[in-house]
C-alpha atoms as a PDB file:
ATOM      1  CA  MET A   1      -0.019   0.184   0.098  1.00  0.00           C
ATOM      2  CA  SER A   2       1.331   3.700  -0.943  1.00  0.00           C
ATOM      3  CA  ARG A   3       1.047   6.172   1.485  1.00  0.00           C
ATOM      4  CA  ASN A   4      -2.149   8.274   1.617  1.00  0.00           C
ATOM      5  CA  GLN A   5      -4.051   5.250  -0.738  1.00  0.00           C
ATOM      6  CA  GLY A   6      -6.047   4.143   1.954  1.00  0.00           C
ATOM      7  CA  GLU A   7      -9.846   4.627   2.334  1.00  0.00           C
ATOM      8  CA  ASN A   8     -11.421   5.864   5.320  1.00  0.00           C
ATOM      9  CA  ARG A   9     -13.433   3.010   7.262  1.00  0.00           C
ATOM     10  CA  HIS A  10     -15.603   3.274  10.235  1.00  0.00           C
ATOM     11  CA  PHE A  11     -14.985   1.235  13.403  1.00  0.00           C
ATOM     12  CA  ASN A  12     -15.810   1.529  17.054  1.00  0.00           C
ATOM     13  CA  LEU A  13     -12.988   1.267  19.766  1.00  0.00           C
ATOM     14  CA  ASP A  14     -14.418   0.575  23.347  1.00  0.00           C
ATOM     15  CA  ASN A  15     -12.191   2.655  26.094  1.00  0.00           C
ATOM     16  CA  PHE A  16     -10.128  -0.070  26.924  1.00  0.00           C
ATOM     17  CA  SER A  17      -8.842  -0.818  23.222  1.00  0.00           C
ATOM     18  CA  TYR A  18      -8.312   3.080  22.929  1.00  0.00           C
ATOM     19  CA  VAL A  19      -6.230   3.091  25.795  1.00  0.00           C
ATOM     20  CA  CYS A  20      -4.245   0.053  24.334  1.00  0.00           C
ATOM     21  CA  LEU A  21      -4.005   1.690  21.235  1.00  0.00           C
ATOM     22  CA  THR A  22      -2.798   5.124  22.951  1.00  0.00           C
ATOM     23  CA  SER A  23      -0.397   2.970  24.577  1.00  0.00           C
ATOM     24  CA  CYS A  24       1.285   1.418  21.703  1.00  0.00           C
ATOM     25  CA  ARG A  25       1.543   4.894  20.216  1.00  0.00           C
ATOM     26  CA  GLU A  26       3.526   6.151  23.216  1.00  0.00           C
ATOM     27  CA  THR A  27       5.736   3.259  23.216  1.00  0.00           C
ATOM     28  CA  PHE A  28       6.683   3.947  19.873  1.00  0.00           C
ATOM     29  CA  GLN A  29       7.458   7.578  20.548  1.00  0.00           C
ATOM     30  CA  GLU A  30       9.478   6.580  23.518  1.00  0.00           C
ATOM     31  CA  HIS A  31      11.705   4.971  21.045  1.00  0.00           C
ATOM     32  CA  GLY A  32      11.789   7.495  18.656  1.00  0.00           C
ATOM     33  CA  ASN A  33       9.009   6.592  16.341  1.00  0.00           C
ATOM     34  CA  GLN A  34       5.813   8.550  15.302  1.00  0.00           C
ATOM     35  CA  PHE A  35       3.266   6.274  14.078  1.00  0.00           C
ATOM     36  CA  SER A  36      -0.701   6.985  13.639  1.00  0.00           C
ATOM     37  CA  GLY A  37      -3.113   5.233  15.087  1.00  0.00           C
ATOM     38  CA  SER A  38      -4.077   3.859  11.970  1.00  0.00           C
ATOM     39  CA  VAL A  39      -0.524   2.492  10.968  1.00  0.00           C
ATOM     40  CA  ILE A  40      -0.805   0.650  14.347  1.00  0.00           C
ATOM     41  CA  VAL A  41      -4.264  -0.567  13.650  1.00  0.00           C
ATOM     42  CA  ARG A  42      -3.454  -1.794   9.917  1.00  0.00           C
ATOM     43  CA  ARG A  43      -0.131  -3.726  11.724  1.00  0.00           C
ATOM     44  CA  ALA A  44      -2.612  -5.402  14.271  1.00  0.00           C
ATOM     45  CA  ILE A  45      -5.214  -6.358  11.785  1.00  0.00           C
ATOM     46  CA  ARG A  46      -2.372  -8.132   9.547  1.00  0.00           C
ATOM     47  CA  HIS A  47      -0.879  -9.524  12.781  1.00  0.00           C
ATOM     48  CA  TYR A  48      -4.379 -10.825  14.100  1.00  0.00           C
ATOM     49  CA  SER A  49      -5.298 -12.565  10.347  1.00  0.00           C
ATOM     50  CA  GLU A  50      -1.874 -14.545  10.560  1.00  0.00           C
ATOM     51  CA  HIS A  51      -2.774 -15.526  14.227  1.00  0.00           C
ATOM     52  CA  LEU A  52      -6.388 -16.740  13.011  1.00  0.00           C
ATOM     53  CA  GLU A  53      -4.692 -18.511  10.145  1.00  0.00           C
ATOM     54  CA  ARG A  54      -2.250 -20.481  12.649  1.00  0.00           C
ATOM     55  CA  MET A  55      -5.364 -21.287  14.790  1.00  0.00           C
ATOM     56  CA  ARG A  56      -7.501 -22.397  12.014  1.00  0.00           C
ATOM     57  CA  ARG A  57      -4.764 -24.799  10.669  1.00  0.00           C
ATOM     58  CA  SER A  58      -4.027 -26.387  14.292  1.00  0.00           C
ATOM     59  CA  GLY A  59      -7.738 -27.008  14.967  1.00  0.00           C
ATOM     60  CA  LYS A  60      -8.017 -24.313  17.705  1.00  0.00           C
ATOM     61  CA  ILE A  61     -10.231 -21.638  16.274  1.00  0.00           C
ATOM     62  CA  GLU A  62     -13.447 -22.556  18.084  1.00  0.00           C
ATOM     63  CA  THR A  63     -11.087 -21.185  21.282  1.00  0.00           C
ATOM     64  CA  GLU A  64     -10.645 -17.622  19.465  1.00  0.00           C
ATOM     65  CA  ALA A  65     -14.201 -17.741  18.442  1.00  0.00           C
ATOM     66  CA  LYS A  66     -15.223 -18.019  21.732  1.00  0.00           C
ATOM     67  CA  GLU A  67     -12.937 -14.991  23.215  1.00  0.00           C
ATOM     68  CA  THR A  68     -14.511 -13.232  20.084  1.00  0.00           C
ATOM     69  CA  LEU A  69     -18.049 -13.559  20.681  1.00  0.00           C
ATOM     70  CA  ARG A  70     -17.117 -12.280  24.397  1.00  0.00           C
ATOM     71  CA  ALA A  71     -15.617  -9.139  23.111  1.00  0.00           C
ATOM     72  CA  ALA A  72     -18.269  -8.891  20.891  1.00  0.00           C
ATOM     73  CA  LYS A  73     -20.675  -8.926  24.126  1.00  0.00           C
ATOM     74  CA  GLY A  74     -18.222  -6.335  25.581  1.00  0.00           C
ATOM     75  CA  VAL A  75     -16.794  -8.994  28.213  1.00  0.00           C
ATOM     76  CA  LEU A  76     -13.256  -8.591  27.945  1.00  0.00           C
END
């Protein structure tokens, strides 16, 4: 993907997720890196996609599906 070539997408973050995103940005800033929240979210989604594929291959996808359902219900 080229810089400034993305499209705006709407998604909701709960307060805890926003705090985590802010913490990621601050951690990078402490080490001299200025990354936008969008960059961190894109990287996180790619990483999570790889994680799901590993779980699918190992037959453990149901465990993650249960945790994702809990997140959808607001249970951290």
